[in-house]
């Protein structure tokens, strides 16, 4: 294997339920319900999923939701912008946690 992630795992994902079919079935039913058309369109959900995939750094999800976003008619520009939104939120969350560091440093103040 050339890398840690094997792209063929994505095509085998359904097999994850072979040893726990009831649990897997519940997950996959929930998953399908989440991505069904609702208050948000399937297109919007694909862009959200793509952004979240980058935030959680899941290469399988990035691959799957890049494809899904394209299939839903998203442009590459929209997809890149969604990734930048995720990056901004992730970066902001890291920075705001710096306030915890500042409070601790002010307490300890060596």
PDB file of N, CA and C in Angstrom:
ATOM      1  N   UNK A   1       0.847  -1.160   0.000  1.00  0.00           N
ATOM      2  CA  UNK A   1       0.000   0.000   0.000  1.00  0.00           C
ATOM      3  C   UNK A   1       0.905   1.239   0.000  1.00  0.00           C
ATOM      4  N   UNK A   2       0.610   2.174  -0.898  1.00  0.00           N
ATOM      5  CA  UNK A   2       1.429   3.379  -1.021  1.00  0.00           C
ATOM      6  C   UNK A   2       1.106   4.445   0.017  1.00  0.00           C
ATOM      7  N   UNK A   3      -0.077   4.388   0.582  1.00  0.00           N
ATOM      8  CA  UNK A   3      -0.445   5.376   1.591  1.00  0.00           C
ATOM      9  C   UNK A   3      -1.360   4.743   2.630  1.00  0.00           C
ATOM     10  N   UNK A   4      -1.570   5.478   3.693  1.00  0.00           N
ATOM     11  CA  UNK A   4      -2.354   4.960   4.808  1.00  0.00           C
ATOM     12  C   UNK A   4      -3.810   4.718   4.415  1.00  0.00           C
ATOM     13  N   UNK A   5      -4.366   5.640   3.653  1.00  0.00           N
ATOM     14  CA  UNK A   5      -5.749   5.502   3.205  1.00  0.00           C
ATOM     15  C   UNK A   5      -5.788   4.758   1.886  1.00  0.00           C
ATOM     16  N   UNK A   6      -6.627   3.772   1.805  1.00  0.00           N
ATOM     17  CA  UNK A   6      -6.790   3.005   0.578  1.00  0.00           C
ATOM     18  C   UNK A   6      -8.094   3.459  -0.079  1.00  0.00           C
ATOM     19  N   UNK A   7      -8.018   4.145  -1.210  1.00  0.00           N
ATOM     20  CA  UNK A   7      -9.228   4.650  -1.862  1.00  0.00           C
ATOM     21  C   UNK A   7     -10.278   3.569  -2.122  1.00  0.00           C
ATOM     22  N   UNK A   8      -9.862   2.329  -2.294  1.00  0.00           N
ATOM     23  CA  UNK A   8     -10.845   1.273  -2.553  1.00  0.00           C
ATOM     24  C   UNK A   8     -11.714   0.983  -1.330  1.00  0.00           C
ATOM     25  N   UNK A   9     -11.288   1.434  -0.150  1.00  0.00           N
ATOM     26  CA  UNK A   9     -12.113   1.237   1.051  1.00  0.00           C
ATOM     27  C   UNK A   9     -13.474   1.911   0.912  1.00  0.00           C
ATOM     28  N   UNK A  10     -13.509   3.039   0.224  1.00  0.00           N
ATOM     29  CA  UNK A  10     -14.762   3.771   0.072  1.00  0.00           C
ATOM     30  C   UNK A  10     -15.817   2.924  -0.636  1.00  0.00           C
ATOM     31  N   UNK A  11     -15.396   2.175  -1.647  1.00  0.00           N
ATOM     32  CA  UNK A  11     -16.333   1.321  -2.372  1.00  0.00           C
ATOM     33  C   UNK A  11     -16.756   0.107  -1.535  1.00  0.00           C
ATOM     34  N   UNK A  12     -16.010  -0.202  -0.510  1.00  0.00           N
ATOM     35  CA  UNK A  12     -16.302  -1.356   0.343  1.00  0.00           C
ATOM     36  C   UNK A  12     -17.044  -0.966   1.625  1.00  0.00           C
ATOM     37  N   UNK A  13     -17.385   0.314   1.776  1.00  0.00           N
ATOM     38  CA  UNK A  13     -17.920   0.832   3.036  1.00  0.00           C
ATOM     39  C   UNK A  13     -19.130   0.049   3.547  1.00  0.00           C
ATOM     40  N   UNK A  14     -20.003  -0.378   2.664  1.00  0.00           N
ATOM     41  CA  UNK A  14     -21.203  -1.115   3.092  1.00  0.00           C
ATOM     42  C   UNK A  14     -20.860  -2.400   3.832  1.00  0.00           C
ATOM     43  N   UNK A  15     -19.687  -2.954   3.563  1.00  0.00           N
ATOM     44  CA  UNK A  15     -19.272  -4.198   4.235  1.00  0.00           C
ATOM     45  C   UNK A  15     -19.029  -4.001   5.731  1.00  0.00           C
ATOM     46  N   UNK A  16     -18.937  -2.757   6.169  1.00  0.00           N
ATOM     47  CA  UNK A  16     -18.676  -2.495   7.587  1.00  0.00           C
ATOM     48  C   UNK A  16     -19.769  -3.116   8.460  1.00  0.00           C
ATOM     49  N   UNK A  17     -20.928  -3.342   7.875  1.00  0.00           N
ATOM     50  CA  UNK A  17     -22.039  -3.900   8.629  1.00  0.00           C
ATOM     51  C   UNK A  17     -22.106  -5.415   8.669  1.00  0.00           C
ATOM     52  N   UNK A  18     -21.170  -6.098   8.058  1.00  0.00           N
ATOM     53  CA  UNK A  18     -21.242  -7.561   7.996  1.00  0.00           C
ATOM     54  C   UNK A  18     -21.249  -8.217   9.366  1.00  0.00           C
ATOM     55  N   UNK A  19     -20.559  -7.656  10.328  1.00  0.00           N
ATOM     56  CA  UNK A  19     -20.488  -8.279  11.646  1.00  0.00           C
ATOM     57  C   UNK A  19     -21.451  -7.668  12.655  1.00  0.00           C
ATOM     58  N   UNK A  20     -22.114  -6.592  12.257  1.00  0.00           N
ATOM     59  CA  UNK A  20     -23.112  -5.947  13.119  1.00  0.00           C
ATOM     60  C   UNK A  20     -24.196  -5.356  12.227  1.00  0.00           C
ATOM     61  N   UNK A  21     -24.934  -6.210  11.521  1.00  0.00           N
ATOM     62  CA  UNK A  21     -25.885  -5.720  10.514  1.00  0.00           C
ATOM     63  C   UNK A  21     -26.996  -4.837  11.076  1.00  0.00           C
ATOM     64  N   UNK A  22     -27.463  -5.116  12.287  1.00  0.00           N
ATOM     65  CA  UNK A  22     -28.538  -4.293  12.841  1.00  0.00           C
ATOM     66  C   UNK A  22     -28.050  -2.868  13.109  1.00  0.00           C
ATOM     67  N   UNK A  23     -26.863  -2.750  13.678  1.00  0.00           N
ATOM     68  CA  UNK A  23     -26.322  -1.420  13.950  1.00  0.00           C
ATOM     69  C   UNK A  23     -26.004  -0.678  12.659  1.00  0.00           C
ATOM     70  N   UNK A  24     -25.381  -1.374  11.723  1.00  0.00           N
ATOM     71  CA  UNK A  24     -25.051  -0.752  10.449  1.00  0.00           C
ATOM     72  C   UNK A  24     -26.322  -0.313   9.725  1.00  0.00           C
ATOM     73  N   UNK A  25     -27.325  -1.151   9.763  1.00  0.00           N
ATOM     74  CA  UNK A  25     -28.600  -0.811   9.117  1.00  0.00           C
ATOM     75  C   UNK A  25     -29.193   0.462   9.682  1.00  0.00           C
ATOM     76  N   UNK A  26     -29.140   0.596  10.993  1.00  0.00           N
ATOM     77  CA  UNK A  26     -29.652   1.813  11.632  1.00  0.00           C
ATOM     78  C   UNK A  26     -28.850   3.038  11.195  1.00  0.00           C
ATOM     79  N   UNK A  27     -27.534   2.882  11.148  1.00  0.00           N
ATOM     80  CA  UNK A  27     -26.701   3.999  10.723  1.00  0.00           C
ATOM     81  C   UNK A  27     -27.017   4.384   9.283  1.00  0.00           C
ATOM     82  N   UNK A  28     -27.044   3.399   8.385  1.00  0.00           N
ATOM     83  CA  UNK A  28     -27.263   3.706   6.976  1.00  0.00           C
ATOM     84  C   UNK A  28     -28.667   4.253   6.719  1.00  0.00           C
ATOM     85  N   UNK A  29     -29.664   3.791   7.469  1.00  0.00           N
ATOM     86  CA  UNK A  29     -31.012   4.369   7.359  1.00  0.00           C
ATOM     87  C   UNK A  29     -30.996   5.836   7.778  1.00  0.00           C
ATOM     88  N   UNK A  30     -30.343   6.113   8.901  1.00  0.00           N
ATOM     89  CA  UNK A  30     -30.221   7.489   9.396  1.00  0.00           C
ATOM     90  C   UNK A  30     -29.477   8.350   8.374  1.00  0.00           C
ATOM     91  N   UNK A  31     -28.384   7.826   7.879  1.00  0.00           N
ATOM     92  CA  UNK A  31     -27.546   8.546   6.912  1.00  0.00           C
ATOM     93  C   UNK A  31     -28.357   8.935   5.678  1.00  0.00           C
ATOM     94  N   UNK A  32     -29.122   7.985   5.141  1.00  0.00           N
ATOM     95  CA  UNK A  32     -29.961   8.268   3.973  1.00  0.00           C
ATOM     96  C   UNK A  32     -31.008   9.322   4.301  1.00  0.00           C
ATOM     97  N   UNK A  33     -31.610   9.246   5.480  1.00  0.00           N
ATOM     98  CA  UNK A  33     -32.622  10.224   5.873  1.00  0.00           C
ATOM     99  C   UNK A  33     -32.024  11.620   5.990  1.00  0.00           C
ATOM    100  N   UNK A  34     -30.834  11.706   6.539  1.00  0.00           N
ATOM    101  CA  UNK A  34     -30.174  13.005   6.694  1.00  0.00           C
ATOM    102  C   UNK A  34     -29.945  13.660   5.333  1.00  0.00           C
ATOM    103  N   UNK A  35     -29.548  12.890   4.331  1.00  0.00           N
ATOM    104  CA  UNK A  35     -29.209  13.463   3.036  1.00  0.00           C
ATOM    105  C   UNK A  35     -30.381  13.543   2.067  1.00  0.00           C
ATOM    106  N   UNK A  36     -31.574  13.160   2.511  1.00  0.00           N
ATOM    107  CA  UNK A  36     -32.756  13.306   1.670  1.00  0.00           C
ATOM    108  C   UNK A  36     -33.143  14.785   1.595  1.00  0.00           C
ATOM    109  N   UNK A  37     -33.839  15.145   0.533  1.00  0.00           N
ATOM    110  CA  UNK A  37     -34.331  16.516   0.400  1.00  0.00           C
ATOM    111  C   UNK A  37     -35.191  16.858   1.619  1.00  0.00           C
ATOM    112  N   UNK A  38     -35.017  18.033   2.127  1.00  0.00           N
ATOM    113  CA  UNK A  38     -35.791  18.494   3.279  1.00  0.00           C
ATOM    114  C   UNK A  38     -35.798  20.011   3.272  1.00  0.00           C
ATOM    115  N   UNK A  39     -35.586  20.612   4.417  1.00  0.00           N
ATOM    116  CA  UNK A  39     -35.466  22.066   4.488  1.00  0.00           C
ATOM    117  C   UNK A  39     -34.258  22.529   3.680  1.00  0.00           C
ATOM    118  N   UNK A  40     -33.235  21.693   3.642  1.00  0.00           N
ATOM    119  CA  UNK A  40     -32.060  21.944   2.810  1.00  0.00           C
ATOM    120  C   UNK A  40     -32.128  21.025   1.595  1.00  0.00           C
ATOM    121  N   UNK A  41     -31.667  21.530   0.472  1.00  0.00           N
ATOM    122  CA  UNK A  41     -31.631  20.702  -0.738  1.00  0.00           C
ATOM    123  C   UNK A  41     -30.473  19.704  -0.651  1.00  0.00           C
ATOM    124  N   UNK A  42     -30.540  18.681  -1.475  1.00  0.00           N
ATOM    125  CA  UNK A  42     -29.443  17.712  -1.544  1.00  0.00           C
ATOM    126  C   UNK A  42     -28.156  18.423  -1.959  1.00  0.00           C
ATOM    127  N   UNK A  43     -28.262  19.419  -2.791  1.00  0.00           N
ATOM    128  CA  UNK A  43     -27.103  20.200  -3.243  1.00  0.00           C
ATOM    129  C   UNK A  43     -26.462  20.927  -2.062  1.00  0.00           C
ATOM    130  N   UNK A  44     -27.291  21.593  -1.261  1.00  0.00           N
ATOM    131  CA  UNK A  44     -26.771  22.301  -0.083  1.00  0.00           C
ATOM    132  C   UNK A  44     -26.136  21.331   0.899  1.00  0.00           C
ATOM    133  N   UNK A  45     -26.769  20.189   1.094  1.00  0.00           N
ATOM    134  CA  UNK A  45     -26.235  19.191   2.019  1.00  0.00           C
ATOM    135  C   UNK A  45     -24.895  18.647   1.535  1.00  0.00           C
ATOM    136  N   UNK A  46     -24.744  18.494   0.227  1.00  0.00           N
ATOM    137  CA  UNK A  46     -23.462  18.027  -0.316  1.00  0.00           C
ATOM    138  C   UNK A  46     -22.345  19.025  -0.032  1.00  0.00           C
ATOM    139  N   UNK A  47     -22.635  20.318  -0.192  1.00  0.00           N
ATOM    140  CA  UNK A  47     -21.622  21.339   0.096  1.00  0.00           C
ATOM    141  C   UNK A  47     -21.275  21.376   1.576  1.00  0.00           C
ATOM    142  N   UNK A  48     -22.290  21.249   2.430  1.00  0.00           N
ATOM    143  CA  UNK A  48     -22.033  21.208   3.880  1.00  0.00           C
ATOM    144  C   UNK A  48     -21.159  20.003   4.205  1.00  0.00           C
ATOM    145  N   UNK A  49     -21.526  18.845   3.654  1.00  0.00           N
ATOM    146  CA  UNK A  49     -20.761  17.621   3.913  1.00  0.00           C
ATOM    147  C   UNK A  49     -19.324  17.758   3.420  1.00  0.00           C
ATOM    148  N   UNK A  50     -19.137  18.405   2.274  1.00  0.00           N
ATOM    149  CA  UNK A  50     -17.788  18.605   1.754  1.00  0.00           C
ATOM    150  C   UNK A  50     -16.970  19.478   2.700  1.00  0.00           C
ATOM    151  N   UNK A  51     -17.579  20.543   3.205  1.00  0.00           N
ATOM    152  CA  UNK A  51     -16.875  21.425   4.141  1.00  0.00           C
ATOM    153  C   UNK A  51     -16.537  20.687   5.435  1.00  0.00           C
ATOM    154  N   UNK A  52     -17.495  19.953   5.970  1.00  0.00           N
ATOM    155  CA  UNK A  52     -17.258  19.200   7.202  1.00  0.00           C
ATOM    156  C   UNK A  52     -16.190  18.132   6.982  1.00  0.00           C
ATOM    157  N   UNK A  53     -16.211  17.496   5.828  1.00  0.00           N
ATOM    158  CA  UNK A  53     -15.202  16.470   5.515  1.00  0.00           C
ATOM    159  C   UNK A  53     -13.796  17.041   5.607  1.00  0.00           C
ATOM    160  N   UNK A  54     -13.632  18.273   5.164  1.00  0.00           N
ATOM    161  CA  UNK A  54     -12.324  18.911   5.274  1.00  0.00           C
ATOM    162  C   UNK A  54     -12.002  19.250   6.722  1.00  0.00           C
ATOM    163  N   UNK A  55     -13.002  19.635   7.480  1.00  0.00           N
ATOM    164  CA  UNK A  55     -12.785  19.973   8.885  1.00  0.00           C
ATOM    165  C   UNK A  55     -12.352  18.747   9.686  1.00  0.00           C
ATOM    166  N   UNK A  56     -12.989  17.614   9.432  1.00  0.00           N
ATOM    167  CA  UNK A  56     -12.628  16.394  10.162  1.00  0.00           C
ATOM    168  C   UNK A  56     -11.502  15.637   9.459  1.00  0.00           C
ATOM    169  N   UNK A  57     -11.072  16.148   8.328  1.00  0.00           N
ATOM    170  CA  UNK A  57      -9.938  15.629   7.567  1.00  0.00           C
ATOM    171  C   UNK A  57     -10.091  14.153   7.195  1.00  0.00           C
ATOM    172  N   UNK A  58     -11.256  13.839   6.639  1.00  0.00           N
ATOM    173  CA  UNK A  58     -11.543  12.467   6.208  1.00  0.00           C
ATOM    174  C   UNK A  58     -11.385  12.371   4.691  1.00  0.00           C
ATOM    175  N   UNK A  59     -10.312  11.733   4.219  1.00  0.00           N
ATOM    176  CA  UNK A  59     -10.112  11.656   2.767  1.00  0.00           C
ATOM    177  C   UNK A  59     -11.217  10.887   2.050  1.00  0.00           C
ATOM    178  N   UNK A  60     -11.806   9.908   2.722  1.00  0.00           N
ATOM    179  CA  UNK A  60     -12.906   9.169   2.103  1.00  0.00           C
ATOM    180  C   UNK A  60     -14.099  10.096   1.882  1.00  0.00           C
ATOM    181  N   UNK A  61     -14.413  10.895   2.892  1.00  0.00           N
ATOM    182  CA  UNK A  61     -15.532  11.825   2.796  1.00  0.00           C
ATOM    183  C   UNK A  61     -15.246  12.928   1.787  1.00  0.00           C
ATOM    184  N   UNK A  62     -14.009  13.398   1.759  1.00  0.00           N
ATOM    185  CA  UNK A  62     -13.639  14.425   0.777  1.00  0.00           C
ATOM    186  C   UNK A  62     -13.878  13.884  -0.630  1.00  0.00           C
ATOM    187  N   UNK A  63     -13.437  12.663  -0.870  1.00  0.00           N
ATOM    188  CA  UNK A  63     -13.643  12.042  -2.186  1.00  0.00           C
ATOM    189  C   UNK A  63     -15.133  11.899  -2.486  1.00  0.00           C
ATOM    190  N   UNK A  64     -15.880  11.361  -1.539  1.00  0.00           N
ATOM    191  CA  UNK A  64     -17.301  11.099  -1.760  1.00  0.00           C
ATOM    192  C   UNK A  64     -18.093  12.383  -1.972  1.00  0.00           C
ATOM    193  N   UNK A  65     -17.812  13.408  -1.177  1.00  0.00           N
ATOM    194  CA  UNK A  65     -18.617  14.625  -1.273  1.00  0.00           C
ATOM    195  C   UNK A  65     -18.104  15.606  -2.317  1.00  0.00           C
ATOM    196  N   UNK A  66     -16.893  15.411  -2.804  1.00  0.00           N
ATOM    197  CA  UNK A  66     -16.473  16.134  -4.011  1.00  0.00           C
ATOM    198  C   UNK A  66     -17.306  15.621  -5.174  1.00  0.00           C
ATOM    199  N   UNK A  67     -17.382  14.308  -5.281  1.00  0.00           N
ATOM    200  CA  UNK A  67     -18.176  13.695  -6.351  1.00  0.00           C
ATOM    201  C   UNK A  67     -19.653  14.059  -6.205  1.00  0.00           C
ATOM    202  N   UNK A  68     -20.196  13.952  -4.991  1.00  0.00           N
ATOM    203  CA  UNK A  68     -21.612  14.256  -4.774  1.00  0.00           C
ATOM    204  C   UNK A  68     -21.918  15.720  -5.099  1.00  0.00           C
ATOM    205  N   UNK A  69     -21.024  16.616  -4.706  1.00  0.00           N
ATOM    206  CA  UNK A  69     -21.245  18.043  -4.975  1.00  0.00           C
ATOM    207  C   UNK A  69     -21.255  18.307  -6.482  1.00  0.00           C
ATOM    208  N   UNK A  70     -20.323  17.698  -7.192  1.00  0.00           N
ATOM    209  CA  UNK A  70     -20.308  17.856  -8.648  1.00  0.00           C
ATOM    210  C   UNK A  70     -21.580  17.286  -9.270  1.00  0.00           C
ATOM    211  N   UNK A  71     -22.011  16.117  -8.787  1.00  0.00           N
ATOM    212  CA  UNK A  71     -23.232  15.495  -9.308  1.00  0.00           C
ATOM    213  C   UNK A  71     -24.464  16.345  -9.019  1.00  0.00           C
ATOM    214  N   UNK A  72     -24.428  17.117  -7.937  1.00  0.00           N
ATOM    215  CA  UNK A  72     -25.545  17.991  -7.582  1.00  0.00           C
ATOM    216  C   UNK A  72     -25.475  19.344  -8.306  1.00  0.00           C
ATOM    217  N   UNK A  73     -24.483  19.509  -9.172  1.00  0.00           N
ATOM    218  CA  UNK A  73     -24.385  20.717  -9.970  1.00  0.00           C
ATOM    219  C   UNK A  73     -23.579  21.844  -9.345  1.00  0.00           C
ATOM    220  N   UNK A  74     -22.828  21.552  -8.300  1.00  0.00           N
ATOM    221  CA  UNK A  74     -21.998  22.576  -7.677  1.00  0.00           C
ATOM    222  C   UNK A  74     -20.787  22.868  -8.558  1.00  0.00           C
ATOM    223  N   UNK A  75     -20.418  24.123  -8.593  1.00  0.00           N
ATOM    224  CA  UNK A  75     -19.212  24.485  -9.334  1.00  0.00           C
ATOM    225  C   UNK A  75     -17.989  24.277  -8.455  1.00  0.00           C
ATOM    226  N   UNK A  76     -16.840  24.204  -9.076  1.00  0.00           N
ATOM    227  CA  UNK A  76     -15.608  24.081  -8.299  1.00  0.00           C
ATOM    228  C   UNK A  76     -15.417  25.322  -7.430  1.00  0.00           C
ATOM    229  N   UNK A  77     -15.814  26.481  -7.933  1.00  0.00           N
ATOM    230  CA  UNK A  77     -15.722  27.702  -7.141  1.00  0.00           C
ATOM    231  C   UNK A  77     -16.558  27.622  -5.875  1.00  0.00           C
ATOM    232  N   UNK A  78     -17.773  27.090  -5.973  1.00  0.00           N
ATOM    233  CA  UNK A  78     -18.622  26.924  -4.789  1.00  0.00           C
ATOM    234  C   UNK A  78     -17.990  25.942  -3.808  1.00  0.00           C
ATOM    235  N   UNK A  79     -17.428  24.886  -4.345  1.00  0.00           N
ATOM    236  CA  UNK A  79     -16.816  23.875  -3.491  1.00  0.00           C
ATOM    237  C   UNK A  79     -15.601  24.447  -2.760  1.00  0.00           C
ATOM    238  N   UNK A  80     -14.774  25.198  -3.477  1.00  0.00           N
ATOM    239  CA  UNK A  80     -13.605  25.813  -2.849  1.00  0.00           C
ATOM    240  C   UNK A  80     -14.044  26.808  -1.778  1.00  0.00           C
ATOM    241  N   UNK A  81     -15.092  27.570  -2.068  1.00  0.00           N
ATOM    242  CA  UNK A  81     -15.582  28.534  -1.080  1.00  0.00           C
ATOM    243  C   UNK A  81     -16.098  27.818   0.163  1.00  0.00           C
ATOM    244  N   UNK A  82     -16.781  26.699  -0.016  1.00  0.00           N
ATOM    245  CA  UNK A  82     -17.259  25.917   1.132  1.00  0.00           C
ATOM    246  C   UNK A  82     -16.092  25.437   1.987  1.00  0.00           C
ATOM    247  N   UNK A  83     -15.013  25.009   1.338  1.00  0.00           N
ATOM    248  CA  UNK A  83     -13.823  24.566   2.074  1.00  0.00           C
ATOM    249  C   UNK A  83     -13.217  25.746   2.841  1.00  0.00           C
ATOM    250  N   UNK A  84     -13.209  26.920   2.233  1.00  0.00           N
ATOM    251  CA  UNK A  84     -12.683  28.101   2.930  1.00  0.00           C
ATOM    252  C   UNK A  84     -13.550  28.478   4.134  1.00  0.00           C
ATOM    253  N   UNK A  85     -14.848  28.304   4.019  1.00  0.00           N
ATOM    254  CA  UNK A  85     -15.728  28.555   5.167  1.00  0.00           C
ATOM    255  C   UNK A  85     -15.355  27.611   6.305  1.00  0.00           C
ATOM    256  N   UNK A  86     -15.180  26.333   5.982  1.00  0.00           N
ATOM    257  CA  UNK A  86     -14.788  25.359   7.011  1.00  0.00           C
ATOM    258  C   UNK A  86     -13.451  25.736   7.626  1.00  0.00           C
ATOM    259  N   UNK A  87     -12.520  26.163   6.796  1.00  0.00           N
ATOM    260  CA  UNK A  87     -11.190  26.556   7.273  1.00  0.00           C
ATOM    261  C   UNK A  87     -11.289  27.752   8.217  1.00  0.00           C
ATOM    262  N   UNK A  88     -12.114  28.728   7.857  1.00  0.00           N
ATOM    263  CA  UNK A  88     -12.268  29.917   8.700  1.00  0.00           C
ATOM    264  C   UNK A  88     -12.869  29.562  10.058  1.00  0.00           C
ATOM    265  N   UNK A  89     -13.862  28.692  10.060  1.00  0.00           N
ATOM    266  CA  UNK A  89     -14.484  28.277  11.326  1.00  0.00           C
ATOM    267  C   UNK A  89     -13.484  27.486  12.155  1.00  0.00           C
ATOM    268  N   UNK A  90     -12.781  26.572  11.517  1.00  0.00           N
ATOM    269  CA  UNK A  90     -11.781  25.761  12.231  1.00  0.00           C
ATOM    270  C   UNK A  90     -10.676  26.642  12.806  1.00  0.00           C
ATOM    271  N   UNK A  91     -10.193  27.589  11.993  1.00  0.00           N
ATOM    272  CA  UNK A  91      -9.145  28.499  12.457  1.00  0.00           C
ATOM    273  C   UNK A  91      -9.633  29.401  13.579  1.00  0.00           C
ATOM    274  N   UNK A  92     -10.844  29.921  13.437  1.00  0.00           N
ATOM    275  CA  UNK A  92     -11.407  30.771  14.480  1.00  0.00           C
ATOM    276  C   UNK A  92     -11.597  30.023  15.785  1.00  0.00           C
ATOM    277  N   UNK A  93     -12.025  28.770  15.678  1.00  0.00           N
ATOM    278  CA  UNK A  93     -12.207  27.957  16.883  1.00  0.00           C
ATOM    279  C   UNK A  93     -10.875  27.738  17.585  1.00  0.00           C
ATOM    280  N   UNK A  94      -9.821  27.514  16.807  1.00  0.00           N
ATOM    281  CA  UNK A  94      -8.493  27.356  17.417  1.00  0.00           C
ATOM    282  C   UNK A  94      -8.054  28.645  18.095  1.00  0.00           C
ATOM    283  N   UNK A  95      -8.258  29.759  17.424  1.00  0.00           N
ATOM    284  CA  UNK A  95      -7.839  31.044  17.995  1.00  0.00           C
ATOM    285  C   UNK A  95      -8.610  31.397  19.261  1.00  0.00           C
ATOM    286  N   UNK A  96      -9.923  31.194  19.251  1.00  0.00           N
ATOM    287  CA  UNK A  96     -10.712  31.565  20.428  1.00  0.00           C
ATOM    288  C   UNK A  96     -10.336  30.702  21.633  1.00  0.00           C
ATOM    289  N   UNK A  97      -9.890  29.460  21.380  1.00  0.00           N
ATOM    290  CA  UNK A  97      -9.413  28.633  22.491  1.00  0.00           C
ATOM    291  C   UNK A  97      -8.123  29.186  23.075  1.00  0.00           C
ATOM    292  N   UNK A  98      -7.464  30.053  22.334  1.00  0.00           N
ATOM    293  CA  UNK A  98      -6.292  30.732  22.860  1.00  0.00           C
ATOM    294  C   UNK A  98      -6.617  31.571  24.089  1.00  0.00           C
ATOM    295  N   UNK A  99      -7.856  31.944  24.253  1.00  0.00           N
ATOM    296  CA  UNK A  99      -8.264  32.689  25.447  1.00  0.00           C
ATOM    297  C   UNK A  99      -8.102  31.831  26.700  1.00  0.00           C
ATOM    298  N   UNK A 100      -8.306  30.531  26.584  1.00  0.00           N
ATOM    299  CA  UNK A 100      -8.062  29.642  27.715  1.00  0.00           C
ATOM    300  C   UNK A 100      -6.594  29.684  28.098  1.00  0.00           C
ATOM    301  N   UNK A 101      -5.736  29.663  27.084  1.00  0.00           N
ATOM    302  CA  UNK A 101      -4.304  29.749  27.338  1.00  0.00           C
ATOM    303  C   UNK A 101      -3.968  31.062  28.032  1.00  0.00           C
ATOM    304  N   UNK A 102      -4.556  32.137  27.558  1.00  0.00           N
ATOM    305  CA  UNK A 102      -4.264  33.452  28.147  1.00  0.00           C
ATOM    306  C   UNK A 102      -4.708  33.497  29.612  1.00  0.00           C
ATOM    307  N   UNK A 103      -5.894  32.984  29.901  1.00  0.00           N
ATOM    308  CA  UNK A 103      -6.365  32.981  31.300  1.00  0.00           C
ATOM    309  C   UNK A 103      -5.435  32.168  32.187  1.00  0.00           C
ATOM    310  N   UNK A 104      -5.025  30.992  31.693  1.00  0.00           N
ATOM    311  CA  UNK A 104      -4.119  30.141  32.480  1.00  0.00           C
ATOM    312  C   UNK A 104      -2.781  30.825  32.667  1.00  0.00           C
ATOM    313  N   UNK A 105      -2.253  31.422  31.604  1.00  0.00           N
ATOM    314  CA  UNK A 105      -0.960  32.114  31.696  1.00  0.00           C
ATOM    315  C   UNK A 105      -1.032  33.276  32.678  1.00  0.00           C
ATOM    316  N   UNK A 106      -2.156  33.981  32.687  1.00  0.00           N
ATOM    317  CA  UNK A 106      -2.304  35.107  33.619  1.00  0.00           C
ATOM    318  C   UNK A 106      -2.385  34.601  35.057  1.00  0.00           C
ATOM    319  N   UNK A 107      -2.995  33.429  35.284  1.00  0.00           N
ATOM    320  CA  UNK A 107      -3.064  32.848  36.627  1.00  0.00           C
ATOM    321  C   UNK A 107      -1.679  32.436  37.113  1.00  0.00           C
ATOM    322  N   UNK A 108      -0.976  31.718  36.241  1.00  0.00           N
ATOM    323  CA  UNK A 108       0.333  31.174  36.617  1.00  0.00           C
ATOM    324  C   UNK A 108       1.376  32.278  36.667  1.00  0.00           C
ATOM    325  N   UNK A 109       1.407  33.090  35.657  1.00  0.00           N
ATOM    326  CA  UNK A 109       2.268  34.276  35.550  1.00  0.00           C
ATOM    327  C   UNK A 109       3.619  34.101  36.215  1.00  0.00           C
ATOM    328  N   UNK A 110       4.432  33.262  35.611  1.00  0.00           N
ATOM    329  CA  UNK A 110       5.779  32.989  36.118  1.00  0.00           C
ATOM    330  C   UNK A 110       6.694  34.135  35.788  1.00  0.00           C
TER     331      UNK A 110
END
